[in-house]
Amino acid sequence: MGIDCDFEACGENAEEALKTAIDHARAIHRLKDISDKDRMRARAAVQDAFCVPKGGYNLGGGGL
């Protein structure tokens, strides 16, 4: 999309991760229209990976 950003979207599946990335682009980078070409590029970049939960892990044990 031509933006230097290190945001990594996570989701239960590829479509959820893509939606999260698009929501990020709209909210943080103020992109209103995301072209089909950019959606296809973003979708092609989605891969199975391990994601750290938002807020990180509680390594000390116990409840959150």
PDB file of N, CA and C in Angstrom:
ATOM      1  N   MET A   1       0.815  -1.202   0.000  1.00  0.00           N
ATOM      2  CA  MET A   1       0.000   0.000   0.000  1.00  0.00           C
ATOM      3  C   MET A   1       0.849   1.252   0.000  1.00  0.00           C
ATOM      4  N   GLY A   2       2.162   1.065   0.051  1.00  0.00           N
ATOM      5  CA  GLY A   2       3.042   2.209  -0.018  1.00  0.00           C
ATOM      6  C   GLY A   2       3.232   2.942   1.305  1.00  0.00           C
ATOM      7  N   ILE A   3       2.923   2.282   2.421  1.00  0.00           N
ATOM      8  CA  ILE A   3       3.062   2.900   3.729  1.00  0.00           C
ATOM      9  C   ILE A   3       4.111   2.120   4.510  1.00  0.00           C
ATOM     10  N   ASP A   4       5.043   2.836   5.138  1.00  0.00           N
ATOM     11  CA  ASP A   4       6.053   2.181   5.966  1.00  0.00           C
ATOM     12  C   ASP A   4       5.452   1.969   7.352  1.00  0.00           C
ATOM     13  N   CYS A   5       5.030   0.736   7.627  1.00  0.00           N
ATOM     14  CA  CYS A   5       4.341   0.424   8.878  1.00  0.00           C
ATOM     15  C   CYS A   5       4.664  -1.010   9.263  1.00  0.00           C
ATOM     16  N   ASP A   6       4.953  -1.240  10.534  1.00  0.00           N
ATOM     17  CA  ASP A   6       5.294  -2.588  10.958  1.00  0.00           C
ATOM     18  C   ASP A   6       4.146  -3.303  11.673  1.00  0.00           C
ATOM     19  N   PHE A   7       2.941  -2.798  11.521  1.00  0.00           N
ATOM     20  CA  PHE A   7       1.761  -3.425  12.120  1.00  0.00           C
ATOM     21  C   PHE A   7       1.583  -4.840  11.591  1.00  0.00           C
ATOM     22  N   GLU A   8       1.276  -5.768  12.480  1.00  0.00           N
ATOM     23  CA  GLU A   8       0.997  -7.145  12.083  1.00  0.00           C
ATOM     24  C   GLU A   8      -0.396  -7.503  12.558  1.00  0.00           C
ATOM     25  N   ALA A   9      -1.263  -7.821  11.622  1.00  0.00           N
ATOM     26  CA  ALA A   9      -2.641  -8.177  11.948  1.00  0.00           C
ATOM     27  C   ALA A   9      -2.735  -9.662  12.252  1.00  0.00           C
ATOM     28  N   CYS A  10      -3.475  -9.989  13.275  1.00  0.00           N
ATOM     29  CA  CYS A  10      -3.708 -11.385  13.634  1.00  0.00           C
ATOM     30  C   CYS A  10      -5.204 -11.659  13.591  1.00  0.00           C
ATOM     31  N   GLY A  11      -5.538 -12.922  13.409  1.00  0.00           N
ATOM     32  CA  GLY A  11      -6.940 -13.307  13.412  1.00  0.00           C
ATOM     33  C   GLY A  11      -7.081 -14.804  13.504  1.00  0.00           C
ATOM     34  N   GLU A  12      -8.293 -15.253  13.727  1.00  0.00           N
ATOM     35  CA  GLU A  12      -8.567 -16.688  13.799  1.00  0.00           C
ATOM     36  C   GLU A  12      -8.382 -17.353  12.439  1.00  0.00           C
ATOM     37  N   ASN A  13      -8.500 -16.547  11.368  1.00  0.00           N
ATOM     38  CA  ASN A  13      -8.324 -17.052  10.004  1.00  0.00           C
ATOM     39  C   ASN A  13      -7.823 -15.907   9.128  1.00  0.00           C
ATOM     40  N   ALA A  14      -7.534 -16.214   7.883  1.00  0.00           N
ATOM     41  CA  ALA A  14      -6.961 -15.213   6.974  1.00  0.00           C
ATOM     42  C   ALA A  14      -7.909 -14.041   6.752  1.00  0.00           C
ATOM     43  N   GLU A  15      -9.184 -14.314   6.620  1.00  0.00           N
ATOM     44  CA  GLU A  15     -10.142 -13.225   6.366  1.00  0.00           C
ATOM     45  C   GLU A  15     -10.234 -12.275   7.561  1.00  0.00           C
ATOM     46  N   GLU A  16     -10.179 -12.825   8.772  1.00  0.00           N
ATOM     47  CA  GLU A  16     -10.216 -11.990   9.971  1.00  0.00           C
ATOM     48  C   GLU A  16      -8.953 -11.137  10.069  1.00  0.00           C
ATOM     49  N   ALA A  17      -7.805 -11.722   9.757  1.00  0.00           N
ATOM     50  CA  ALA A  17      -6.555 -10.961   9.768  1.00  0.00           C
ATOM     51  C   ALA A  17      -6.588  -9.845   8.727  1.00  0.00           C
ATOM     52  N   LEU A  18      -7.124 -10.138   7.554  1.00  0.00           N
ATOM     53  CA  LEU A  18      -7.235  -9.119   6.504  1.00  0.00           C
ATOM     54  C   LEU A  18      -8.159  -7.993   6.943  1.00  0.00           C
ATOM     55  N   LYS A  19      -9.280  -8.332   7.557  1.00  0.00           N
ATOM     56  CA  LYS A  19     -10.204  -7.302   8.042  1.00  0.00           C
ATOM     57  C   LYS A  19      -9.513  -6.423   9.092  1.00  0.00           C
ATOM     58  N   THR A  20      -8.747  -7.042   9.990  1.00  0.00           N
ATOM     59  CA  THR A  20      -8.026  -6.283  11.005  1.00  0.00           C
ATOM     60  C   THR A  20      -7.021  -5.333  10.358  1.00  0.00           C
ATOM     61  N   ALA A  21      -6.320  -5.803   9.330  1.00  0.00           N
ATOM     62  CA  ALA A  21      -5.347  -4.954   8.624  1.00  0.00           C
ATOM     63  C   ALA A  21      -6.042  -3.782   7.930  1.00  0.00           C
ATOM     64  N   ILE A  22      -7.180  -4.039   7.323  1.00  0.00           N
ATOM     65  CA  ILE A  22      -7.921  -2.972   6.648  1.00  0.00           C
ATOM     66  C   ILE A  22      -8.451  -1.969   7.656  1.00  0.00           C
ATOM     67  N   ASP A  23      -8.983  -2.458   8.779  1.00  0.00           N
ATOM     68  CA  ASP A  23      -9.448  -1.558   9.836  1.00  0.00           C
ATOM     69  C   ASP A  23      -8.296  -0.682  10.335  1.00  0.00           C
ATOM     70  N   HIS A  24      -7.111  -1.273  10.483  1.00  0.00           N
ATOM     71  CA  HIS A  24      -5.926  -0.523  10.907  1.00  0.00           C
ATOM     72  C   HIS A  24      -5.580   0.565   9.879  1.00  0.00           C
ATOM     73  N   ALA A  25      -5.570   0.192   8.613  1.00  0.00           N
ATOM     74  CA  ALA A  25      -5.236   1.156   7.562  1.00  0.00           C
ATOM     75  C   ALA A  25      -6.196   2.340   7.565  1.00  0.00           C
ATOM     76  N   ARG A  26      -7.460   2.059   7.782  1.00  0.00           N
ATOM     77  CA  ARG A  26      -8.460   3.145   7.815  1.00  0.00           C
ATOM     78  C   ARG A  26      -8.320   4.003   9.062  1.00  0.00           C
ATOM     79  N   ALA A  27      -8.154   3.373  10.219  1.00  0.00           N
ATOM     80  CA  ALA A  27      -8.133   4.115  11.482  1.00  0.00           C
ATOM     81  C   ALA A  27      -6.826   4.859  11.711  1.00  0.00           C
ATOM     82  N   ILE A  28      -5.703   4.210  11.462  1.00  0.00           N
ATOM     83  CA  ILE A  28      -4.405   4.798  11.804  1.00  0.00           C
ATOM     84  C   ILE A  28      -3.828   5.627  10.659  1.00  0.00           C
ATOM     85  N   HIS A  29      -3.976   5.126   9.443  1.00  0.00           N
ATOM     86  CA  HIS A  29      -3.382   5.806   8.290  1.00  0.00           C
ATOM     87  C   HIS A  29      -4.393   6.630   7.504  1.00  0.00           C
ATOM     88  N   ARG A  30      -5.620   6.644   7.984  1.00  0.00           N
ATOM     89  CA  ARG A  30      -6.704   7.450   7.406  1.00  0.00           C
ATOM     90  C   ARG A  30      -6.964   7.141   5.929  1.00  0.00           C
ATOM     91  N   LEU A  31      -6.791   5.881   5.557  1.00  0.00           N
ATOM     92  CA  LEU A  31      -7.105   5.473   4.189  1.00  0.00           C
ATOM     93  C   LEU A  31      -8.605   5.222   4.097  1.00  0.00           C
ATOM     94  N   LYS A  32      -9.246   5.886   3.171  1.00  0.00           N
ATOM     95  CA  LYS A  32     -10.694   5.717   3.017  1.00  0.00           C
ATOM     96  C   LYS A  32     -11.012   4.595   2.047  1.00  0.00           C
ATOM     97  N   ASP A  33     -10.375   4.636   0.903  1.00  0.00           N
ATOM     98  CA  ASP A  33     -10.625   3.645  -0.131  1.00  0.00           C
ATOM     99  C   ASP A  33      -9.411   2.739  -0.270  1.00  0.00           C
ATOM    100  N   ILE A  34      -9.648   1.458  -0.194  1.00  0.00           N
ATOM    101  CA  ILE A  34      -8.581   0.479  -0.381  1.00  0.00           C
ATOM    102  C   ILE A  34      -8.923  -0.287  -1.648  1.00  0.00           C
ATOM    103  N   SER A  35      -8.065  -0.148  -2.636  1.00  0.00           N
ATOM    104  CA  SER A  35      -8.341  -0.719  -3.954  1.00  0.00           C
ATOM    105  C   SER A  35      -8.346  -2.247  -3.914  1.00  0.00           C
ATOM    106  N   ASP A  36      -8.982  -2.835  -4.898  1.00  0.00           N
ATOM    107  CA  ASP A  36      -8.980  -4.293  -5.015  1.00  0.00           C
ATOM    108  C   ASP A  36      -7.551  -4.811  -5.158  1.00  0.00           C
ATOM    109  N   LYS A  37      -6.717  -4.065  -5.867  1.00  0.00           N
ATOM    110  CA  LYS A  37      -5.318  -4.464  -6.043  1.00  0.00           C
ATOM    111  C   LYS A  37      -4.601  -4.519  -4.693  1.00  0.00           C
ATOM    112  N   ASP A  38      -4.810  -3.488  -3.854  1.00  0.00           N
ATOM    113  CA  ASP A  38      -4.180  -3.471  -2.537  1.00  0.00           C
ATOM    114  C   ASP A  38      -4.743  -4.570  -1.634  1.00  0.00           C
ATOM    115  N   ARG A  39      -6.028  -4.853  -1.736  1.00  0.00           N
ATOM    116  CA  ARG A  39      -6.622  -5.955  -0.964  1.00  0.00           C
ATOM    117  C   ARG A  39      -5.995  -7.282  -1.375  1.00  0.00           C
ATOM    118  N   MET A  40      -5.797  -7.466  -2.670  1.00  0.00           N
ATOM    119  CA  MET A  40      -5.191  -8.712  -3.162  1.00  0.00           C
ATOM    120  C   MET A  40      -3.752  -8.836  -2.688  1.00  0.00           C
ATOM    121  N   ARG A  41      -3.006  -7.724  -2.690  1.00  0.00           N
ATOM    122  CA  ARG A  41      -1.619  -7.746  -2.214  1.00  0.00           C
ATOM    123  C   ARG A  41      -1.570  -8.075  -0.725  1.00  0.00           C
ATOM    124  N   ALA A  42      -2.468  -7.474   0.031  1.00  0.00           N
ATOM    125  CA  ALA A  42      -2.511  -7.743   1.471  1.00  0.00           C
ATOM    126  C   ALA A  42      -2.902  -9.191   1.732  1.00  0.00           C
ATOM    127  N   ARG A  43      -3.883  -9.684   0.990  1.00  0.00           N
ATOM    128  CA  ARG A  43      -4.331 -11.071   1.174  1.00  0.00           C
ATOM    129  C   ARG A  43      -3.211 -12.046   0.825  1.00  0.00           C
ATOM    130  N   ALA A  44      -2.433 -11.728  -0.189  1.00  0.00           N
ATOM    131  CA  ALA A  44      -1.325 -12.594  -0.592  1.00  0.00           C
ATOM    132  C   ALA A  44      -0.231 -12.628   0.479  1.00  0.00           C
ATOM    133  N   ALA A  45      -0.142 -11.570   1.284  1.00  0.00           N
ATOM    134  CA  ALA A  45       0.884 -11.500   2.315  1.00  0.00           C
ATOM    135  C   ALA A  45       0.487 -12.240   3.594  1.00  0.00           C
ATOM    136  N   VAL A  46      -0.793 -12.605   3.707  1.00  0.00           N
ATOM    137  CA  VAL A  46      -1.257 -13.316   4.901  1.00  0.00           C
ATOM    138  C   VAL A  46      -0.630 -14.705   4.932  1.00  0.00           C
ATOM    139  N   GLN A  47      -0.139 -15.071   6.104  1.00  0.00           N
ATOM    140  CA  GLN A  47       0.471 -16.382   6.269  1.00  0.00           C
ATOM    141  C   GLN A  47       0.157 -16.923   7.654  1.00  0.00           C
ATOM    142  N   ASP A  48       0.208 -18.218   7.787  1.00  0.00           N
ATOM    143  CA  ASP A  48       0.023 -18.824   9.097  1.00  0.00           C
ATOM    144  C   ASP A  48       1.223 -18.463   9.949  1.00  0.00           C
ATOM    145  N   ALA A  49       0.955 -17.958  11.129  1.00  0.00           N
ATOM    146  CA  ALA A  49       2.035 -17.577  12.031  1.00  0.00           C
ATOM    147  C   ALA A  49       1.506 -17.553  13.454  1.00  0.00           C
ATOM    148  N   PHE A  50       2.410 -17.494  14.377  1.00  0.00           N
ATOM    149  CA  PHE A  50       2.061 -17.390  15.776  1.00  0.00           C
ATOM    150  C   PHE A  50       1.941 -15.919  16.126  1.00  0.00           C
ATOM    151  N   CYS A  51       0.849 -15.516  16.737  1.00  0.00           N
ATOM    152  CA  CYS A  51       0.642 -14.119  17.114  1.00  0.00           C
ATOM    153  C   CYS A  51       0.627 -13.988  18.625  1.00  0.00           C
ATOM    154  N   VAL A  52       1.278 -12.969  19.122  1.00  0.00           N
ATOM    155  CA  VAL A  52       1.249 -12.663  20.546  1.00  0.00           C
ATOM    156  C   VAL A  52      -0.067 -11.952  20.830  1.00  0.00           C
ATOM    157  N   PRO A  53      -0.793 -12.383  21.853  1.00  0.00           N
ATOM    158  CA  PRO A  53      -2.057 -11.721  22.176  1.00  0.00           C
ATOM    159  C   PRO A  53      -1.865 -10.242  22.475  1.00  0.00           C
ATOM    160  N   LYS A  54      -2.864  -9.438  22.143  1.00  0.00           N
ATOM    161  CA  LYS A  54      -2.822  -8.009  22.435  1.00  0.00           C
ATOM    162  C   LYS A  54      -2.577  -7.837  23.932  1.00  0.00           C
ATOM    163  N   GLY A  55      -1.596  -7.041  24.276  1.00  0.00           N
ATOM    164  CA  GLY A  55      -1.256  -6.840  25.676  1.00  0.00           C
ATOM    165  C   GLY A  55      -0.151  -7.783  26.146  1.00  0.00           C
ATOM    166  N   GLY A  56       0.244  -8.730  25.290  1.00  0.00           N
ATOM    167  CA  GLY A  56       1.335  -9.637  25.633  1.00  0.00           C
ATOM    168  C   GLY A  56       0.892 -10.767  26.540  1.00  0.00           C
ATOM    169  N   TYR A  57       1.846 -11.425  27.107  1.00  0.00           N
ATOM    170  CA  TYR A  57       1.607 -12.564  27.988  1.00  0.00           C
ATOM    171  C   TYR A  57       1.869 -12.190  29.424  1.00  0.00           C
ATOM    172  N   ASN A  58       1.213 -12.883  30.326  1.00  0.00           N
ATOM    173  CA  ASN A  58       1.448 -12.728  31.740  1.00  0.00           C
ATOM    174  C   ASN A  58       2.457 -13.814  32.136  1.00  0.00           C
ATOM    175  N   LEU A  59       3.729 -13.500  32.025  1.00  0.00           N
ATOM    176  CA  LEU A  59       4.774 -14.498  32.285  1.00  0.00           C
ATOM    177  C   LEU A  59       4.928 -14.831  33.751  1.00  0.00           C
ATOM    178  N   GLY A  60       4.413 -13.990  34.631  1.00  0.00           N
ATOM    179  CA  GLY A  60       4.535 -14.223  36.062  1.00  0.00           C
ATOM    180  C   GLY A  60       3.511 -15.217  36.597  1.00  0.00           C
ATOM    181  N   GLY A  61       2.630 -15.695  35.727  1.00  0.00           N
ATOM    182  CA  GLY A  61       1.591 -16.622  36.168  1.00  0.00           C
ATOM    183  C   GLY A  61       0.452 -15.868  36.835  1.00  0.00           C
ATOM    184  N   GLY A  62      -0.483 -16.602  37.311  1.00  0.00           N
ATOM    185  CA  GLY A  62      -1.628 -15.988  37.971  1.00  0.00           C
ATOM    186  C   GLY A  62      -2.608 -15.389  36.982  1.00  0.00           C
ATOM    187  N   GLY A  63      -3.626 -14.771  37.487  1.00  0.00           N
ATOM    188  CA  GLY A  63      -4.680 -14.182  36.657  1.00  0.00           C
ATOM    189  C   GLY A  63      -4.251 -12.864  36.060  1.00  0.00           C
ATOM    190  N   LEU A  64      -5.015 -12.433  35.097  1.00  0.00           N
ATOM    191  CA  LEU A  64      -4.726 -11.149  34.447  1.00  0.00           C
ATOM    192  C   LEU A  64      -5.367 -10.025  35.165  1.00  0.00           C
TER     193      LEU A  64
END
